[in-house]
Amino acid sequence: MSKSTPATQALSDAGVSFALVTYDYDPDAERAGLQAAEAMGVVPSEVFKTLMAELDGRPVCAILPSDEEANMKKLAAALGGKSAHMMKPADAERLTGYKIGGISPLGQRKSVPTVLDEVATLHDEIFLNGGRRGLQIRIRPADLIGILNCITADLVR
């Protein structure tokens, strides 16, 4: 498997330190983030999932622990909007350039407002999708916040 993706390229171009971890992706897993955590032997709260949503008709990105569910009202409030809902998978793939199960917040085709769940800052490092199914990036939350220019907020139910 090639480990070069738009996500890894964005980190390399920015000079951000990161590590890559590969695992056997299970396309039949109910929740990709939980399956990734199990396959890598790490706790699910350290593996963050990338969700694409629509906020008042515009695309946004939410990054939260894989063992949590997003609270759309909190996401909307964090970005100063009224109403948020999950983006249709085909729309998320078209917007980001990534396949479902491999969407990374990094290196997307179009930059969108992004919110990282604040619990990420409690970890020295977190894992997030590297832009391909079966590829995770290990990164410091502060570095992720810096490269994405994102905000942090409570996003979970």
N, C-alpha and C. Protein backbone atom coordinates (compact mmCIF):
# COMPACT_ATOMS: atom_id res chain seq x y z
N MET A 1 0.84 -1.18 0.00
CA MET A 1 0.00 0.00 0.00
C MET A 1 0.88 1.24 0.00
N SER A 2 0.58 2.14 -0.91
CA SER A 2 1.31 3.41 -0.94
C SER A 2 0.91 4.23 0.27
N LYS A 3 1.88 4.86 0.88
CA LYS A 3 1.60 5.65 2.07
C LYS A 3 1.57 7.14 1.77
N SER A 4 1.69 7.49 0.50
CA SER A 4 1.62 8.89 0.12
C SER A 4 0.18 9.22 -0.29
N THR A 5 -0.40 10.18 0.40
CA THR A 5 -1.75 10.65 0.12
C THR A 5 -1.74 12.17 0.18
N PRO A 6 -2.79 12.82 -0.27
CA PRO A 6 -2.84 14.27 -0.09
C PRO A 6 -2.68 14.69 1.38
N ALA A 7 -3.16 13.87 2.30
CA ALA A 7 -3.04 14.17 3.73
C ALA A 7 -1.58 14.13 4.18
N THR A 8 -0.88 13.08 3.83
CA THR A 8 0.52 12.97 4.24
C THR A 8 1.37 14.02 3.53
N GLN A 9 1.01 14.33 2.29
CA GLN A 9 1.74 15.35 1.54
C GLN A 9 1.56 16.73 2.18
N ALA A 10 0.34 17.02 2.65
CA ALA A 10 0.08 18.31 3.31
C ALA A 10 0.92 18.44 4.57
N LEU A 11 1.04 17.36 5.33
CA LEU A 11 1.85 17.39 6.55
C LEU A 11 3.33 17.55 6.21
N SER A 12 3.80 16.82 5.22
CA SER A 12 5.20 16.92 4.82
C SER A 12 5.53 18.31 4.31
N ASP A 13 4.65 18.86 3.48
CA ASP A 13 4.86 20.21 2.93
C ASP A 13 4.92 21.26 4.04
N ALA A 14 4.15 21.04 5.11
CA ALA A 14 4.11 22.00 6.22
C ALA A 14 5.23 21.75 7.23
N GLY A 15 6.00 20.69 7.05
CA GLY A 15 7.08 20.37 7.98
C GLY A 15 6.59 19.87 9.33
N VAL A 16 5.41 19.29 9.35
CA VAL A 16 4.82 18.79 10.59
C VAL A 16 5.29 17.35 10.84
N SER A 17 5.68 17.09 12.06
CA SER A 17 6.12 15.75 12.45
C SER A 17 4.91 14.84 12.63
N PHE A 18 4.98 13.65 12.03
CA PHE A 18 3.90 12.67 12.15
C PHE A 18 4.46 11.29 11.89
N ALA A 19 3.69 10.29 12.26
CA ALA A 19 4.05 8.91 11.97
C ALA A 19 2.86 8.23 11.32
N LEU A 20 3.13 7.23 10.51
CA LEU A 20 2.07 6.48 9.85
C LEU A 20 1.95 5.10 10.46
N VAL A 21 0.73 4.64 10.57
CA VAL A 21 0.44 3.31 11.07
C VAL A 21 -0.54 2.67 10.09
N THR A 22 -0.22 1.49 9.62
CA THR A 22 -1.13 0.77 8.74
C THR A 22 -1.80 -0.36 9.52
N TYR A 23 -2.96 -0.74 9.06
CA TYR A 23 -3.71 -1.83 9.68
C TYR A 23 -4.58 -2.47 8.61
N ASP A 24 -5.09 -3.65 8.91
CA ASP A 24 -5.96 -4.34 7.96
C ASP A 24 -7.37 -3.78 8.08
N TYR A 25 -7.76 -3.01 7.09
CA TYR A 25 -9.09 -2.38 7.07
C TYR A 25 -10.14 -3.44 6.80
N ASP A 26 -11.21 -3.42 7.58
CA ASP A 26 -12.33 -4.35 7.40
C ASP A 26 -13.50 -3.58 6.81
N PRO A 27 -13.80 -3.79 5.51
CA PRO A 27 -14.89 -3.04 4.88
C PRO A 27 -16.26 -3.37 5.46
N ASP A 28 -16.37 -4.46 6.21
CA ASP A 28 -17.65 -4.85 6.79
C ASP A 28 -17.83 -4.37 8.23
N ALA A 29 -16.83 -3.69 8.76
CA ALA A 29 -16.93 -3.20 10.14
C ALA A 29 -18.02 -2.15 10.24
N GLU A 30 -18.78 -2.21 11.33
CA GLU A 30 -19.85 -1.23 11.54
C GLU A 30 -19.30 0.17 11.72
N ARG A 31 -18.21 0.29 12.46
CA ARG A 31 -17.62 1.60 12.75
C ARG A 31 -16.12 1.53 12.46
N ALA A 32 -15.70 2.20 11.40
CA ALA A 32 -14.32 2.12 10.92
C ALA A 32 -13.31 2.55 11.98
N GLY A 33 -13.61 3.60 12.74
CA GLY A 33 -12.68 4.09 13.75
C GLY A 33 -12.45 3.08 14.86
N LEU A 34 -13.51 2.42 15.29
CA LEU A 34 -13.37 1.41 16.34
C LEU A 34 -12.60 0.21 15.82
N GLN A 35 -12.84 -0.16 14.58
CA GLN A 35 -12.12 -1.28 13.98
C GLN A 35 -10.65 -0.93 13.85
N ALA A 36 -10.35 0.32 13.49
CA ALA A 36 -8.95 0.76 13.36
C ALA A 36 -8.25 0.68 14.72
N ALA A 37 -8.92 1.16 15.77
CA ALA A 37 -8.33 1.13 17.10
C ALA A 37 -8.02 -0.30 17.52
N GLU A 38 -8.96 -1.19 17.30
CA GLU A 38 -8.76 -2.59 17.68
C GLU A 38 -7.61 -3.21 16.88
N ALA A 39 -7.59 -2.96 15.58
CA ALA A 39 -6.55 -3.53 14.72
C ALA A 39 -5.16 -3.01 15.09
N MET A 40 -5.09 -1.74 15.55
CA MET A 40 -3.79 -1.16 15.91
C MET A 40 -3.42 -1.42 17.37
N GLY A 41 -4.37 -1.93 18.16
CA GLY A 41 -4.10 -2.20 19.57
C GLY A 41 -4.02 -0.95 20.43
N VAL A 42 -4.81 0.07 20.09
CA VAL A 42 -4.85 1.30 20.89
C VAL A 42 -6.28 1.53 21.38
N VAL A 43 -6.41 2.38 22.39
CA VAL A 43 -7.75 2.65 22.92
C VAL A 43 -8.54 3.50 21.93
N PRO A 44 -9.83 3.22 21.77
CA PRO A 44 -10.64 3.95 20.80
C PRO A 44 -10.67 5.47 21.02
N SER A 45 -10.51 5.92 22.25
CA SER A 45 -10.58 7.36 22.51
C SER A 45 -9.37 8.12 21.94
N GLU A 46 -8.34 7.40 21.49
CA GLU A 46 -7.17 8.04 20.88
C GLU A 46 -7.26 8.05 19.35
N VAL A 47 -8.22 7.32 18.81
CA VAL A 47 -8.42 7.26 17.36
C VAL A 47 -9.59 8.17 17.02
N PHE A 48 -9.32 9.20 16.22
CA PHE A 48 -10.34 10.19 15.90
C PHE A 48 -10.89 9.96 14.50
N LYS A 49 -12.20 10.13 14.37
CA LYS A 49 -12.85 9.98 13.07
C LYS A 49 -13.14 11.35 12.47
N THR A 50 -13.21 11.38 11.16
CA THR A 50 -13.48 12.60 10.42
C THR A 50 -14.89 12.51 9.85
N LEU A 51 -15.72 13.43 10.23
CA LEU A 51 -17.09 13.47 9.74
C LEU A 51 -17.30 14.72 8.91
N MET A 52 -17.93 14.55 7.77
CA MET A 52 -18.28 15.69 6.93
C MET A 52 -19.76 15.98 7.13
N ALA A 53 -20.06 17.24 7.38
CA ALA A 53 -21.43 17.65 7.67
C ALA A 53 -21.77 18.90 6.87
N GLU A 54 -23.03 19.26 6.90
CA GLU A 54 -23.49 20.50 6.30
C GLU A 54 -24.05 21.37 7.41
N LEU A 55 -23.59 22.60 7.44
CA LEU A 55 -24.03 23.57 8.45
C LEU A 55 -24.70 24.71 7.71
N ASP A 56 -26.00 24.83 7.89
CA ASP A 56 -26.76 25.88 7.20
C ASP A 56 -26.45 25.89 5.71
N GLY A 57 -26.33 24.67 5.13
CA GLY A 57 -26.12 24.53 3.70
C GLY A 57 -24.68 24.59 3.22
N ARG A 58 -23.73 24.77 4.13
CA ARG A 58 -22.32 24.81 3.69
C ARG A 58 -21.54 23.66 4.34
N PRO A 59 -20.52 23.14 3.66
CA PRO A 59 -19.79 22.00 4.19
C PRO A 59 -18.88 22.38 5.36
N VAL A 60 -18.80 21.47 6.32
CA VAL A 60 -17.90 21.61 7.47
C VAL A 60 -17.34 20.24 7.80
N CYS A 61 -16.30 20.24 8.60
CA CYS A 61 -15.64 18.99 9.00
C CYS A 61 -15.58 18.93 10.53
N ALA A 62 -15.89 17.77 11.09
CA ALA A 62 -15.81 17.55 12.53
C ALA A 62 -14.89 16.36 12.78
N ILE A 63 -14.00 16.51 13.76
CA ILE A 63 -13.06 15.45 14.11
C ILE A 63 -13.30 15.11 15.57
N LEU A 64 -13.67 13.86 15.85
CA LEU A 64 -13.98 13.47 17.21
C LEU A 64 -13.57 12.03 17.48
N PRO A 65 -13.50 11.66 18.77
CA PRO A 65 -13.08 10.29 19.10
C PRO A 65 -13.97 9.26 18.43
N SER A 66 -13.36 8.18 17.99
CA SER A 66 -14.09 7.14 17.26
C SER A 66 -15.13 6.43 18.11
N ASP A 67 -15.00 6.52 19.42
CA ASP A 67 -15.96 5.85 20.29
C ASP A 67 -17.09 6.77 20.76
N GLU A 68 -17.22 7.92 20.13
CA GLU A 68 -18.25 8.90 20.48
C GLU A 68 -19.15 9.19 19.28
N GLU A 69 -20.31 9.76 19.57
CA GLU A 69 -21.24 10.19 18.53
C GLU A 69 -21.25 11.72 18.51
N ALA A 70 -21.34 12.28 17.32
CA ALA A 70 -21.36 13.74 17.18
C ALA A 70 -22.72 14.29 17.61
N ASN A 71 -22.67 15.43 18.27
CA ASN A 71 -23.87 16.17 18.61
C ASN A 71 -23.95 17.32 17.61
N MET A 72 -24.91 17.23 16.71
CA MET A 72 -25.01 18.21 15.62
C MET A 72 -25.34 19.62 16.14
N LYS A 73 -26.06 19.71 17.23
CA LYS A 73 -26.36 21.03 17.80
C LYS A 73 -25.08 21.68 18.32
N LYS A 74 -24.22 20.88 18.95
CA LYS A 74 -22.94 21.41 19.44
C LYS A 74 -22.03 21.80 18.28
N LEU A 75 -22.04 21.01 17.21
CA LEU A 75 -21.24 21.35 16.03
C LEU A 75 -21.71 22.67 15.44
N ALA A 76 -23.01 22.83 15.29
CA ALA A 76 -23.56 24.08 14.74
C ALA A 76 -23.18 25.26 15.62
N ALA A 77 -23.33 25.10 16.93
CA ALA A 77 -23.01 26.19 17.85
C ALA A 77 -21.53 26.55 17.79
N ALA A 78 -20.67 25.54 17.69
CA ALA A 78 -19.22 25.79 17.66
C ALA A 78 -18.82 26.67 16.48
N LEU A 79 -19.54 26.52 15.38
CA LEU A 79 -19.21 27.28 14.17
C LEU A 79 -20.17 28.44 13.92
N GLY A 80 -20.98 28.75 14.91
CA GLY A 80 -21.87 29.91 14.81
C GLY A 80 -23.03 29.72 13.85
N GLY A 81 -23.45 28.48 13.67
CA GLY A 81 -24.57 28.20 12.77
C GLY A 81 -25.82 27.80 13.53
N LYS A 82 -26.87 27.51 12.74
CA LYS A 82 -28.15 27.15 13.35
C LYS A 82 -28.42 25.66 13.31
N SER A 83 -28.11 25.02 12.18
CA SER A 83 -28.50 23.63 12.01
C SER A 83 -27.45 22.86 11.22
N ALA A 84 -27.05 21.71 11.75
CA ALA A 84 -26.07 20.85 11.08
C ALA A 84 -26.64 19.45 10.91
N HIS A 85 -26.24 18.80 9.84
CA HIS A 85 -26.59 17.40 9.63
C HIS A 85 -25.47 16.73 8.84
N MET A 86 -25.41 15.42 8.93
CA MET A 86 -24.37 14.67 8.23
C MET A 86 -24.52 14.83 6.73
N MET A 87 -23.40 14.93 6.05
CA MET A 87 -23.36 15.02 4.59
C MET A 87 -23.60 13.63 4.02
N LYS A 88 -24.23 13.55 2.87
CA LYS A 88 -24.42 12.28 2.20
C LYS A 88 -23.04 11.74 1.82
N PRO A 89 -22.84 10.42 1.96
CA PRO A 89 -21.52 9.84 1.65
C PRO A 89 -20.97 10.22 0.28
N ALA A 90 -21.79 10.19 -0.76
CA ALA A 90 -21.30 10.52 -2.11
C ALA A 90 -20.84 11.98 -2.17
N ASP A 91 -21.56 12.86 -1.47
CA ASP A 91 -21.17 14.27 -1.45
C ASP A 91 -19.86 14.46 -0.69
N ALA A 92 -19.70 13.72 0.41
CA ALA A 92 -18.46 13.81 1.19
C ALA A 92 -17.27 13.34 0.36
N GLU A 93 -17.45 12.25 -0.38
CA GLU A 93 -16.36 11.74 -1.22
C GLU A 93 -16.01 12.74 -2.32
N ARG A 94 -17.01 13.32 -2.95
CA ARG A 94 -16.78 14.28 -4.02
C ARG A 94 -16.08 15.53 -3.49
N LEU A 95 -16.51 16.02 -2.34
CA LEU A 95 -15.94 17.23 -1.77
C LEU A 95 -14.50 17.05 -1.30
N THR A 96 -14.23 15.91 -0.64
CA THR A 96 -12.92 15.70 -0.02
C THR A 96 -11.89 15.06 -0.95
N GLY A 97 -12.37 14.27 -1.91
CA GLY A 97 -11.45 13.51 -2.75
C GLY A 97 -11.05 12.18 -2.14
N TYR A 98 -11.65 11.84 -1.01
CA TYR A 98 -11.37 10.58 -0.31
C TYR A 98 -12.60 9.68 -0.32
N LYS A 99 -12.37 8.39 -0.14
CA LYS A 99 -13.45 7.42 -0.03
C LYS A 99 -13.90 7.31 1.43
N ILE A 100 -15.18 7.02 1.64
CA ILE A 100 -15.70 6.78 2.98
C ILE A 100 -14.86 5.68 3.62
N GLY A 101 -14.51 5.85 4.88
CA GLY A 101 -13.61 4.92 5.56
C GLY A 101 -12.16 5.33 5.42
N GLY A 102 -11.92 6.36 4.60
CA GLY A 102 -10.57 6.85 4.38
C GLY A 102 -10.51 8.37 4.34
N ILE A 103 -11.57 9.03 4.81
CA ILE A 103 -11.59 10.50 4.77
C ILE A 103 -10.70 11.07 5.86
N SER A 104 -9.79 11.92 5.44
CA SER A 104 -8.89 12.63 6.35
C SER A 104 -9.30 14.10 6.37
N PRO A 105 -9.10 14.77 7.49
CA PRO A 105 -9.36 16.22 7.50
C PRO A 105 -8.24 16.99 6.79
N LEU A 106 -7.15 16.32 6.51
CA LEU A 106 -5.98 16.93 5.87
C LEU A 106 -5.99 16.66 4.38
N GLY A 107 -5.56 17.64 3.60
CA GLY A 107 -5.40 17.43 2.17
C GLY A 107 -6.69 17.27 1.40
N GLN A 108 -7.78 17.77 1.93
CA GLN A 108 -9.05 17.69 1.20
C GLN A 108 -9.01 18.60 -0.02
N ARG A 109 -9.82 18.28 -1.01
CA ARG A 109 -9.87 19.07 -2.24
C ARG A 109 -10.20 20.53 -1.97
N LYS A 110 -11.08 20.76 -1.01
CA LYS A 110 -11.52 22.11 -0.68
C LYS A 110 -11.41 22.29 0.83
N SER A 111 -10.81 23.38 1.25
CA SER A 111 -10.70 23.68 2.68
C SER A 111 -12.06 24.13 3.20
N VAL A 112 -12.48 23.51 4.30
CA VAL A 112 -13.76 23.87 4.91
C VAL A 112 -13.55 24.15 6.40
N PRO A 113 -14.45 24.90 7.03
CA PRO A 113 -14.33 25.12 8.47
C PRO A 113 -14.29 23.77 9.20
N THR A 114 -13.35 23.64 10.14
CA THR A 114 -13.13 22.37 10.82
C THR A 114 -13.11 22.58 12.33
N VAL A 115 -13.71 21.62 13.04
CA VAL A 115 -13.73 21.64 14.50
C VAL A 115 -13.17 20.31 15.00
N LEU A 116 -12.21 20.39 15.91
CA LEU A 116 -11.63 19.23 16.57
C LEU A 116 -12.22 19.14 17.96
N ASP A 117 -12.72 17.97 18.34
CA ASP A 117 -13.26 17.83 19.68
C ASP A 117 -12.18 18.15 20.70
N GLU A 118 -12.54 18.95 21.68
CA GLU A 118 -11.58 19.47 22.65
C GLU A 118 -10.86 18.39 23.45
N VAL A 119 -11.44 17.20 23.55
CA VAL A 119 -10.80 16.12 24.30
C VAL A 119 -9.46 15.72 23.66
N ALA A 120 -9.28 16.03 22.39
CA ALA A 120 -8.02 15.70 21.71
C ALA A 120 -6.83 16.35 22.41
N THR A 121 -7.04 17.53 22.96
CA THR A 121 -5.95 18.27 23.59
C THR A 121 -5.49 17.62 24.90
N LEU A 122 -6.22 16.64 25.39
CA LEU A 122 -5.82 15.91 26.61
C LEU A 122 -4.81 14.81 26.30
N HIS A 123 -4.61 14.51 25.03
CA HIS A 123 -3.70 13.45 24.60
C HIS A 123 -2.39 14.05 24.09
N ASP A 124 -1.29 13.35 24.30
CA ASP A 124 -0.01 13.76 23.72
C ASP A 124 -0.05 13.60 22.20
N GLU A 125 -0.65 12.50 21.75
CA GLU A 125 -0.79 12.22 20.33
C GLU A 125 -2.14 11.56 20.09
N ILE A 126 -2.67 11.77 18.91
CA ILE A 126 -3.91 11.10 18.50
C ILE A 126 -3.67 10.46 17.14
N PHE A 127 -4.58 9.58 16.77
CA PHE A 127 -4.56 8.96 15.46
C PHE A 127 -5.75 9.49 14.67
N LEU A 128 -5.54 9.71 13.37
CA LEU A 128 -6.65 10.06 12.50
C LEU A 128 -6.37 9.52 11.12
N ASN A 129 -7.40 9.47 10.31
CA ASN A 129 -7.27 8.84 9.01
C ASN A 129 -6.23 9.54 8.15
N GLY A 130 -5.44 8.74 7.47
CA GLY A 130 -4.37 9.26 6.63
C GLY A 130 -4.75 9.46 5.18
N GLY A 131 -6.04 9.31 4.85
CA GLY A 131 -6.48 9.54 3.49
C GLY A 131 -6.63 8.28 2.67
N ARG A 132 -6.55 7.16 3.33
CA ARG A 132 -6.72 5.87 2.66
C ARG A 132 -7.18 4.87 3.71
N ARG A 133 -8.06 3.99 3.30
CA ARG A 133 -8.53 2.95 4.21
C ARG A 133 -7.33 2.12 4.65
N GLY A 134 -7.22 1.93 5.96
CA GLY A 134 -6.11 1.15 6.50
C GLY A 134 -4.86 1.95 6.79
N LEU A 135 -4.94 3.27 6.72
CA LEU A 135 -3.79 4.13 6.98
C LEU A 135 -4.17 5.20 8.00
N GLN A 136 -3.44 5.23 9.11
CA GLN A 136 -3.67 6.21 10.16
C GLN A 136 -2.43 7.07 10.36
N ILE A 137 -2.67 8.33 10.70
CA ILE A 137 -1.61 9.27 11.02
C ILE A 137 -1.58 9.46 12.53
N ARG A 138 -0.40 9.36 13.12
CA ARG A 138 -0.23 9.67 14.55
C ARG A 138 0.39 11.06 14.61
N ILE A 139 -0.28 11.98 15.33
CA ILE A 139 0.13 13.38 15.31
C ILE A 139 -0.20 14.03 16.66
N ARG A 140 0.54 15.07 16.98
CA ARG A 140 0.25 15.86 18.17
C ARG A 140 -0.97 16.74 17.88
N PRO A 141 -1.94 16.81 18.79
CA PRO A 141 -3.12 17.64 18.55
C PRO A 141 -2.79 19.10 18.22
N ALA A 142 -1.79 19.67 18.89
CA ALA A 142 -1.42 21.07 18.62
C ALA A 142 -0.96 21.24 17.18
N ASP A 143 -0.23 20.25 16.64
CA ASP A 143 0.21 20.32 15.25
C ASP A 143 -0.98 20.23 14.29
N LEU A 144 -1.94 19.37 14.62
CA LEU A 144 -3.13 19.23 13.80
C LEU A 144 -3.93 20.54 13.78
N ILE A 145 -4.10 21.12 14.95
CA ILE A 145 -4.82 22.40 15.06
C ILE A 145 -4.13 23.47 14.23
N GLY A 146 -2.81 23.49 14.30
CA GLY A 146 -2.05 24.50 13.56
C GLY A 146 -2.18 24.35 12.06
N ILE A 147 -2.03 23.13 11.55
CA ILE A 147 -2.07 22.95 10.10
C ILE A 147 -3.48 23.13 9.54
N LEU A 148 -4.49 22.74 10.32
CA LEU A 148 -5.87 22.88 9.84
C LEU A 148 -6.45 24.26 10.13
N ASN A 149 -5.78 25.00 11.01
CA ASN A 149 -6.32 26.28 11.46
C ASN A 149 -7.74 26.10 11.96
N CYS A 150 -7.93 25.04 12.75
CA CYS A 150 -9.28 24.71 13.21
C CYS A 150 -9.49 25.17 14.66
N ILE A 151 -10.73 25.13 15.07
CA ILE A 151 -11.06 25.44 16.45
C ILE A 151 -11.30 24.14 17.19
N THR A 152 -11.31 24.22 18.52
CA THR A 152 -11.66 23.08 19.35
C THR A 152 -12.95 23.40 20.09
N ALA A 153 -13.76 22.38 20.30
CA ALA A 153 -15.02 22.55 21.01
C ALA A 153 -15.51 21.18 21.43
N ASP A 154 -16.43 21.16 22.36
CA ASP A 154 -17.10 19.92 22.77
C ASP A 154 -18.09 19.56 21.68
N LEU A 155 -17.91 18.40 21.05
CA LEU A 155 -18.75 17.98 19.94
C LEU A 155 -19.57 16.74 20.19
N VAL A 156 -19.40 16.12 21.35
CA VAL A 156 -20.04 14.82 21.55
C VAL A 156 -21.31 14.90 22.36
N ARG A 157 -22.11 13.88 22.21
CA ARG A 157 -23.42 13.81 22.88
C ARG A 157 -23.28 13.77 24.38
